[in-house]
Amino acid sequence: MFSKSNQIALAFPLDLRLHAWTNAVYGKAVAAGFIRPPWHPDDTTILRLHAYFDTGLSPAGAVWAVVQIVQRARSRQFCWLIQRD
């Protein structure tokens, strides 16, 4: 009845809002110098960003939160390395 070329997949409004929000997070992180394109987040970061979106954080708030988590993880690794020596 329908040919494949006539079918269009429409995104849900939530998908469009999440996509726009994610682009804003990426733009703010690049502008602040936290990341350089091309950036490919790991699965944990993607899940964390989705949770920030679901809780209503702004893109700037999400960038700040991710940077804080990464910095804490790095400082813990650094402290662990110092304690080993």
PDB file of N, CA and C in Angstrom:
ATOM      1  N   MET A   1       0.813  -1.184   0.000  1.00  0.00           N
ATOM      2  CA  MET A   1       0.000   0.000   0.000  1.00  0.00           C
ATOM      3  C   MET A   1       0.866   1.261   0.000  1.00  0.00           C
ATOM      4  N   PHE A   2       1.895   1.295   0.871  1.00  0.00           N
ATOM      5  CA  PHE A   2       2.797   2.434   0.918  1.00  0.00           C
ATOM      6  C   PHE A   2       4.171   2.008   0.420  1.00  0.00           C
ATOM      7  N   SER A   3       4.776   2.830  -0.371  1.00  0.00           N
ATOM      8  CA  SER A   3       6.154   2.541  -0.748  1.00  0.00           C
ATOM      9  C   SER A   3       7.061   3.164   0.305  1.00  0.00           C
ATOM     10  N   LYS A   4       8.245   2.605   0.491  1.00  0.00           N
ATOM     11  CA  LYS A   4       9.156   3.094   1.522  1.00  0.00           C
ATOM     12  C   LYS A   4       9.533   4.547   1.308  1.00  0.00           C
ATOM     13  N   SER A   5       9.619   4.984   0.072  1.00  0.00           N
ATOM     14  CA  SER A   5      10.046   6.348  -0.190  1.00  0.00           C
ATOM     15  C   SER A   5       9.007   7.388   0.225  1.00  0.00           C
ATOM     16  N   ASN A   6       7.767   6.973   0.436  1.00  0.00           N
ATOM     17  CA  ASN A   6       6.720   7.908   0.835  1.00  0.00           C
ATOM     18  C   ASN A   6       6.534   7.982   2.346  1.00  0.00           C
ATOM     19  N   GLN A   7       7.241   7.151   3.100  1.00  0.00           N
ATOM     20  CA  GLN A   7       7.083   7.137   4.548  1.00  0.00           C
ATOM     21  C   GLN A   7       8.080   8.090   5.176  1.00  0.00           C
ATOM     22  N   ILE A   8       7.587   8.889   6.084  1.00  0.00           N
ATOM     23  CA  ILE A   8       8.436   9.853   6.777  1.00  0.00           C
ATOM     24  C   ILE A   8       8.352   9.561   8.268  1.00  0.00           C
ATOM     25  N   ALA A   9       9.498   9.460   8.900  1.00  0.00           N
ATOM     26  CA  ALA A   9       9.536   9.260  10.345  1.00  0.00           C
ATOM     27  C   ALA A   9       9.570  10.630  11.014  1.00  0.00           C
ATOM     28  N   LEU A  10       8.553  10.931  11.790  1.00  0.00           N
ATOM     29  CA  LEU A  10       8.493  12.202  12.497  1.00  0.00           C
ATOM     30  C   LEU A  10       9.000  12.009  13.924  1.00  0.00           C
ATOM     31  N   ALA A  11       9.815  12.934  14.370  1.00  0.00           N
ATOM     32  CA  ALA A  11      10.354  12.854  15.721  1.00  0.00           C
ATOM     33  C   ALA A  11       9.283  13.278  16.729  1.00  0.00           C
ATOM     34  N   PHE A  12       9.340  12.697  17.903  1.00  0.00           N
ATOM     35  CA  PHE A  12       8.468  13.110  18.979  1.00  0.00           C
ATOM     36  C   PHE A  12       8.934  14.473  19.488  1.00  0.00           C
ATOM     37  N   PRO A  13       8.016  15.282  20.030  1.00  0.00           N
ATOM     38  CA  PRO A  13       8.437  16.598  20.552  1.00  0.00           C
ATOM     39  C   PRO A  13       9.545  16.495  21.593  1.00  0.00           C
ATOM     40  N   LEU A  14       9.492  15.456  22.446  1.00  0.00           N
ATOM     41  CA  LEU A  14      10.540  15.285  23.449  1.00  0.00           C
ATOM     42  C   LEU A  14      11.893  15.073  22.777  1.00  0.00           C
ATOM     43  N   ASP A  15      11.921  14.281  21.713  1.00  0.00           N
ATOM     44  CA  ASP A  15      13.172  14.047  20.995  1.00  0.00           C
ATOM     45  C   ASP A  15      13.739  15.348  20.444  1.00  0.00           C
ATOM     46  N   LEU A  16      12.860  16.202  19.928  1.00  0.00           N
ATOM     47  CA  LEU A  16      13.312  17.474  19.378  1.00  0.00           C
ATOM     48  C   LEU A  16      13.853  18.391  20.470  1.00  0.00           C
ATOM     49  N   ARG A  17      13.175  18.423  21.615  1.00  0.00           N
ATOM     50  CA  ARG A  17      13.658  19.250  22.732  1.00  0.00           C
ATOM     51  C   ARG A  17      14.982  18.726  23.266  1.00  0.00           C
ATOM     52  N   LEU A  18      15.113  17.408  23.400  1.00  0.00           N
ATOM     53  CA  LEU A  18      16.363  16.816  23.874  1.00  0.00           C
ATOM     54  C   LEU A  18      17.493  17.102  22.887  1.00  0.00           C
ATOM     55  N   HIS A  19      17.206  17.006  21.611  1.00  0.00           N
ATOM     56  CA  HIS A  19      18.228  17.281  20.587  1.00  0.00           C
ATOM     57  C   HIS A  19      18.679  18.741  20.660  1.00  0.00           C
ATOM     58  N   ALA A  20      17.744  19.664  20.773  1.00  0.00           N
ATOM     59  CA  ALA A  20      18.089  21.088  20.868  1.00  0.00           C
ATOM     60  C   ALA A  20      18.874  21.373  22.143  1.00  0.00           C
ATOM     61  N   TRP A  21      18.455  20.766  23.256  1.00  0.00           N
ATOM     62  CA  TRP A  21      19.140  20.954  24.536  1.00  0.00           C
ATOM     63  C   TRP A  21      20.558  20.409  24.466  1.00  0.00           C
ATOM     64  N   THR A  22      20.719  19.219  23.873  1.00  0.00           N
ATOM     65  CA  THR A  22      22.040  18.609  23.747  1.00  0.00           C
ATOM     66  C   THR A  22      22.960  19.462  22.879  1.00  0.00           C
ATOM     67  N   ASN A  23      22.428  20.020  21.810  1.00  0.00           N
ATOM     68  CA  ASN A  23      23.230  20.920  20.972  1.00  0.00           C
ATOM     69  C   ASN A  23      23.662  22.151  21.751  1.00  0.00           C
ATOM     70  N   ALA A  24      22.779  22.668  22.600  1.00  0.00           N
ATOM     71  CA  ALA A  24      23.133  23.831  23.423  1.00  0.00           C
ATOM     72  C   ALA A  24      24.221  23.469  24.433  1.00  0.00           C
ATOM     73  N   VAL A  25      24.129  22.292  25.041  1.00  0.00           N
ATOM     74  CA  VAL A  25      25.169  21.833  25.979  1.00  0.00           C
ATOM     75  C   VAL A  25      26.508  21.743  25.252  1.00  0.00           C
ATOM     76  N   TYR A  26      26.503  21.141  24.086  1.00  0.00           N
ATOM     77  CA  TYR A  26      27.724  20.986  23.291  1.00  0.00           C
ATOM     78  C   TYR A  26      28.313  22.356  22.951  1.00  0.00           C
ATOM     79  N   GLY A  27      27.463  23.276  22.512  1.00  0.00           N
ATOM     80  CA  GLY A  27      27.930  24.617  22.166  1.00  0.00           C
ATOM     81  C   GLY A  27      28.539  25.345  23.343  1.00  0.00           C
ATOM     82  N   LYS A  28      27.904  25.249  24.506  1.00  0.00           N
ATOM     83  CA  LYS A  28      28.430  25.913  25.703  1.00  0.00           C
ATOM     84  C   LYS A  28      29.743  25.282  26.156  1.00  0.00           C
ATOM     85  N   ALA A  29      29.842  23.968  26.071  1.00  0.00           N
ATOM     86  CA  ALA A  29      31.078  23.288  26.475  1.00  0.00           C
ATOM     87  C   ALA A  29      32.229  23.643  25.543  1.00  0.00           C
ATOM     88  N   VAL A  30      31.951  23.750  24.255  1.00  0.00           N
ATOM     89  CA  VAL A  30      32.985  24.148  23.287  1.00  0.00           C
ATOM     90  C   VAL A  30      33.382  25.597  23.528  1.00  0.00           C
ATOM     91  N   ALA A  31      32.395  26.474  23.702  1.00  0.00           N
ATOM     92  CA  ALA A  31      32.673  27.893  23.918  1.00  0.00           C
ATOM     93  C   ALA A  31      33.491  28.136  25.190  1.00  0.00           C
ATOM     94  N   ALA A  32      33.246  27.329  26.208  1.00  0.00           N
ATOM     95  CA  ALA A  32      33.983  27.477  27.469  1.00  0.00           C
ATOM     96  C   ALA A  32      35.363  26.827  27.410  1.00  0.00           C
ATOM     97  N   GLY A  33      35.639  26.087  26.348  1.00  0.00           N
ATOM     98  CA  GLY A  33      36.941  25.445  26.215  1.00  0.00           C
ATOM     99  C   GLY A  33      37.066  24.121  26.953  1.00  0.00           C
ATOM    100  N   PHE A  34      35.950  23.558  27.410  1.00  0.00           N
ATOM    101  CA  PHE A  34      36.000  22.289  28.124  1.00  0.00           C
ATOM    102  C   PHE A  34      36.214  21.103  27.191  1.00  0.00           C
ATOM    103  N   ILE A  35      35.723  21.219  25.969  1.00  0.00           N
ATOM    104  CA  ILE A  35      35.892  20.153  24.985  1.00  0.00           C
ATOM    105  C   ILE A  35      36.257  20.774  23.647  1.00  0.00           C
ATOM    106  N   ARG A  36      36.829  19.952  22.781  1.00  0.00           N
ATOM    107  CA  ARG A  36      37.145  20.380  21.418  1.00  0.00           C
ATOM    108  C   ARG A  36      36.492  19.422  20.442  1.00  0.00           C
ATOM    109  N   PRO A  37      35.865  19.987  19.394  1.00  0.00           N
ATOM    110  CA  PRO A  37      35.245  19.108  18.381  1.00  0.00           C
ATOM    111  C   PRO A  37      36.310  18.322  17.638  1.00  0.00           C
ATOM    112  N   PRO A  38      36.045  17.157  17.182  1.00  0.00           N
ATOM    113  CA  PRO A  38      34.829  16.386  17.446  1.00  0.00           C
ATOM    114  C   PRO A  38      34.916  15.716  18.815  1.00  0.00           C
ATOM    115  N   TRP A  39      33.841  15.752  19.544  1.00  0.00           N
ATOM    116  CA  TRP A  39      33.770  15.154  20.876  1.00  0.00           C
ATOM    117  C   TRP A  39      32.755  14.036  20.841  1.00  0.00           C
ATOM    118  N   HIS A  40      33.119  12.904  21.364  1.00  0.00           N
ATOM    119  CA  HIS A  40      32.244  11.738  21.396  1.00  0.00           C
ATOM    120  C   HIS A  40      32.154  11.252  22.839  1.00  0.00           C
ATOM    121  N   PRO A  41      31.075  11.614  23.544  1.00  0.00           N
ATOM    122  CA  PRO A  41      30.960  11.220  24.953  1.00  0.00           C
ATOM    123  C   PRO A  41      30.780   9.716  25.116  1.00  0.00           C
ATOM    124  N   ASP A  42      31.238   9.218  26.256  1.00  0.00           N
ATOM    125  CA  ASP A  42      31.030   7.800  26.545  1.00  0.00           C
ATOM    126  C   ASP A  42      29.581   7.572  26.995  1.00  0.00           C
ATOM    127  N   ASP A  43      29.217   6.319  27.145  1.00  0.00           N
ATOM    128  CA  ASP A  43      27.831   5.968  27.493  1.00  0.00           C
ATOM    129  C   ASP A  43      27.415   6.559  28.838  1.00  0.00           C
ATOM    130  N   THR A  44      28.322   6.575  29.803  1.00  0.00           N
ATOM    131  CA  THR A  44      28.008   7.111  31.126  1.00  0.00           C
ATOM    132  C   THR A  44      27.682   8.594  31.046  1.00  0.00           C
ATOM    133  N   THR A  45      28.451   9.341  30.270  1.00  0.00           N
ATOM    134  CA  THR A  45      28.204  10.771  30.123  1.00  0.00           C
ATOM    135  C   THR A  45      26.876  11.023  29.421  1.00  0.00           C
ATOM    136  N   ILE A  46      26.550  10.221  28.429  1.00  0.00           N
ATOM    137  CA  ILE A  46      25.279  10.377  27.721  1.00  0.00           C
ATOM    138  C   ILE A  46      24.110  10.136  28.674  1.00  0.00           C
ATOM    139  N   LEU A  47      24.185   9.082  29.476  1.00  0.00           N
ATOM    140  CA  LEU A  47      23.119   8.805  30.443  1.00  0.00           C
ATOM    141  C   LEU A  47      23.010   9.924  31.469  1.00  0.00           C
ATOM    142  N   ARG A  48      24.147  10.441  31.899  1.00  0.00           N
ATOM    143  CA  ARG A  48      24.157  11.534  32.867  1.00  0.00           C
ATOM    144  C   ARG A  48      23.497  12.780  32.259  1.00  0.00           C
ATOM    145  N   LEU A  49      23.825  13.088  31.011  1.00  0.00           N
ATOM    146  CA  LEU A  49      23.225  14.250  30.350  1.00  0.00           C
ATOM    147  C   LEU A  49      21.715  14.079  30.189  1.00  0.00           C
ATOM    148  N   HIS A  50      21.272  12.878  29.855  1.00  0.00           N
ATOM    149  CA  HIS A  50      19.829  12.634  29.741  1.00  0.00           C
ATOM    150  C   HIS A  50      19.153  12.853  31.090  1.00  0.00           C
ATOM    151  N   ALA A  51      19.790  12.429  32.159  1.00  0.00           N
ATOM    152  CA  ALA A  51      19.221  12.636  33.494  1.00  0.00           C
ATOM    153  C   ALA A  51      19.154  14.123  33.822  1.00  0.00           C
ATOM    154  N   TYR A  52      20.169  14.885  33.446  1.00  0.00           N
ATOM    155  CA  TYR A  52      20.157  16.336  33.678  1.00  0.00           C
ATOM    156  C   TYR A  52      19.020  16.987  32.900  1.00  0.00           C
ATOM    157  N   PHE A  53      18.807  16.546  31.668  1.00  0.00           N
ATOM    158  CA  PHE A  53      17.703  17.065  30.857  1.00  0.00           C
ATOM    159  C   PHE A  53      16.369  16.745  31.521  1.00  0.00           C
ATOM    160  N   ASP A  54      16.221  15.501  31.977  1.00  0.00           N
ATOM    161  CA  ASP A  54      14.963  15.070  32.598  1.00  0.00           C
ATOM    162  C   ASP A  54      14.662  15.843  33.877  1.00  0.00           C
ATOM    163  N   THR A  55      15.697  16.255  34.609  1.00  0.00           N
ATOM    164  CA  THR A  55      15.475  17.000  35.853  1.00  0.00           C
ATOM    165  C   THR A  55      15.317  18.491  35.619  1.00  0.00           C
ATOM    166  N   GLY A  56      15.540  18.945  34.395  1.00  0.00           N
ATOM    167  CA  GLY A  56      15.303  20.348  34.073  1.00  0.00           C
ATOM    168  C   GLY A  56      16.501  21.255  34.177  1.00  0.00           C
ATOM    169  N   LEU A  57      17.692  20.693  34.263  1.00  0.00           N
ATOM    170  CA  LEU A  57      18.884  21.550  34.295  1.00  0.00           C
ATOM    171  C   LEU A  57      19.023  22.316  32.986  1.00  0.00           C
ATOM    172  N   SER A  58      19.539  23.519  33.081  1.00  0.00           N
ATOM    173  CA  SER A  58      19.824  24.283  31.869  1.00  0.00           C
ATOM    174  C   SER A  58      21.062  23.689  31.197  1.00  0.00           C
ATOM    175  N   PRO A  59      21.287  23.984  29.922  1.00  0.00           N
ATOM    176  CA  PRO A  59      22.511  23.506  29.276  1.00  0.00           C
ATOM    177  C   PRO A  59      23.775  23.957  30.013  1.00  0.00           C
ATOM    178  N   ALA A  60      23.795  25.205  30.477  1.00  0.00           N
ATOM    179  CA  ALA A  60      24.971  25.694  31.213  1.00  0.00           C
ATOM    180  C   ALA A  60      25.148  24.925  32.523  1.00  0.00           C
ATOM    181  N   GLY A  61      24.058  24.638  33.207  1.00  0.00           N
ATOM    182  CA  GLY A  61      24.126  23.859  34.440  1.00  0.00           C
ATOM    183  C   GLY A  61      24.627  22.447  34.198  1.00  0.00           C
ATOM    184  N   ALA A  62      24.207  21.858  33.091  1.00  0.00           N
ATOM    185  CA  ALA A  62      24.660  20.507  32.750  1.00  0.00           C
ATOM    186  C   ALA A  62      26.152  20.490  32.444  1.00  0.00           C
ATOM    187  N   VAL A  63      26.632  21.491  31.722  1.00  0.00           N
ATOM    188  CA  VAL A  63      28.076  21.576  31.426  1.00  0.00           C
ATOM    189  C   VAL A  63      28.844  21.690  32.728  1.00  0.00           C
ATOM    190  N   TRP A  64      28.394  22.558  33.630  1.00  0.00           N
ATOM    191  CA  TRP A  64      29.076  22.742  34.903  1.00  0.00           C
ATOM    192  C   TRP A  64      29.108  21.434  35.689  1.00  0.00           C
ATOM    193  N   ALA A  65      27.986  20.727  35.728  1.00  0.00           N
ATOM    194  CA  ALA A  65      27.916  19.477  36.487  1.00  0.00           C
ATOM    195  C   ALA A  65      28.857  18.425  35.915  1.00  0.00           C
ATOM    196  N   VAL A  66      28.878  18.269  34.607  1.00  0.00           N
ATOM    197  CA  VAL A  66      29.759  17.267  33.987  1.00  0.00           C
ATOM    198  C   VAL A  66      31.219  17.620  34.248  1.00  0.00           C
ATOM    199  N   VAL A  67      31.567  18.885  34.121  1.00  0.00           N
ATOM    200  CA  VAL A  67      32.957  19.302  34.355  1.00  0.00           C
ATOM    201  C   VAL A  67      33.353  19.029  35.801  1.00  0.00           C
ATOM    202  N   GLN A  68      32.467  19.305  36.750  1.00  0.00           N
ATOM    203  CA  GLN A  68      32.772  19.045  38.159  1.00  0.00           C
ATOM    204  C   GLN A  68      33.008  17.561  38.411  1.00  0.00           C
ATOM    205  N   ILE A  69      32.193  16.718  37.819  1.00  0.00           N
ATOM    206  CA  ILE A  69      32.344  15.269  38.007  1.00  0.00           C
ATOM    207  C   ILE A  69      33.661  14.787  37.416  1.00  0.00           C
ATOM    208  N   VAL A  70      33.987  15.263  36.226  1.00  0.00           N
ATOM    209  CA  VAL A  70      35.237  14.855  35.579  1.00  0.00           C
ATOM    210  C   VAL A  70      36.439  15.342  36.389  1.00  0.00           C
ATOM    211  N   GLN A  71      36.396  16.580  36.863  1.00  0.00           N
ATOM    212  CA  GLN A  71      37.516  17.106  37.649  1.00  0.00           C
ATOM    213  C   GLN A  71      37.696  16.336  38.948  1.00  0.00           C
ATOM    214  N   ARG A  72      36.601  15.993  39.606  1.00  0.00           N
ATOM    215  CA  ARG A  72      36.709  15.216  40.846  1.00  0.00           C
ATOM    216  C   ARG A  72      37.286  13.836  40.582  1.00  0.00           C
ATOM    217  N   ALA A  73      36.848  13.223  39.499  1.00  0.00           N
ATOM    218  CA  ALA A  73      37.372  11.894  39.162  1.00  0.00           C
ATOM    219  C   ALA A  73      38.865  11.972  38.874  1.00  0.00           C
ATOM    220  N   ARG A  74      39.278  12.987  38.149  1.00  0.00           N
ATOM    221  CA  ARG A  74      40.708  13.144  37.846  1.00  0.00           C
ATOM    222  C   ARG A  74      41.520  13.426  39.095  1.00  0.00           C
ATOM    223  N   SER A  75      40.990  14.252  40.001  1.00  0.00           N
ATOM    224  CA  SER A  75      41.744  14.553  41.219  1.00  0.00           C
ATOM    225  C   SER A  75      41.856  13.312  42.103  1.00  0.00           C
ATOM    226  N   ARG A  76      40.824  12.471  42.116  1.00  0.00           N
ATOM    227  CA  ARG A  76      40.898  11.223  42.883  1.00  0.00           C
ATOM    228  C   ARG A  76      41.953  10.293  42.292  1.00  0.00           C
ATOM    229  N   GLN A  77      42.000  10.216  40.973  1.00  0.00           N
ATOM    230  CA  GLN A  77      43.006   9.381  40.324  1.00  0.00           C
ATOM    231  C   GLN A  77      44.399   9.918  40.615  1.00  0.00           C
ATOM    232  N   PHE A  78      44.554  11.229  40.585  1.00  0.00           N
ATOM    233  CA  PHE A  78      45.851  11.842  40.845  1.00  0.00           C
ATOM    234  C   PHE A  78      46.269  11.583  42.295  1.00  0.00           C
ATOM    235  N   CYS A  79      45.326  11.759  43.226  1.00  0.00           N
ATOM    236  CA  CYS A  79      45.638  11.510  44.645  1.00  0.00           C
ATOM    237  C   CYS A  79      46.007  10.047  44.861  1.00  0.00           C
ATOM    238  N   TRP A  80      45.318   9.152  44.183  1.00  0.00           N
ATOM    239  CA  TRP A  80      45.619   7.737  44.321  1.00  0.00           C
ATOM    240  C   TRP A  80      47.025   7.446  43.804  1.00  0.00           C
ATOM    241  N   LEU A  81      47.409   8.073  42.713  1.00  0.00           N
ATOM    242  CA  LEU A  81      48.754   7.867  42.170  1.00  0.00           C
ATOM    243  C   LEU A  81      49.818   8.395  43.112  1.00  0.00           C
ATOM    244  N   ILE A  82      49.552   9.537  43.733  1.00  0.00           N
ATOM    245  CA  ILE A  82      50.517  10.100  44.672  1.00  0.00           C
ATOM    246  C   ILE A  82      50.652   9.206  45.898  1.00  0.00           C
ATOM    247  N   GLN A  83      49.537   8.692  46.399  1.00  0.00           N
ATOM    248  CA  GLN A  83      49.569   7.838  47.577  1.00  0.00           C
ATOM    249  C   GLN A  83      50.282   6.527  47.320  1.00  0.00           C
ATOM    250  N   ARG A  84      50.272   6.072  46.074  1.00  0.00           N
ATOM    251  CA  ARG A  84      50.952   4.814  45.737  1.00  0.00           C
ATOM    252  C   ARG A  84      52.455   4.954  45.791  1.00  0.00           C
ATOM    253  N   ASP A  85      52.968   6.132  45.478  1.00  0.00           N
ATOM    254  CA  ASP A  85      54.442   6.310  45.436  1.00  0.00           C
ATOM    255  C   ASP A  85      55.098   6.332  46.757  1.00  0.00           C
TER     256      ASP A  85
END
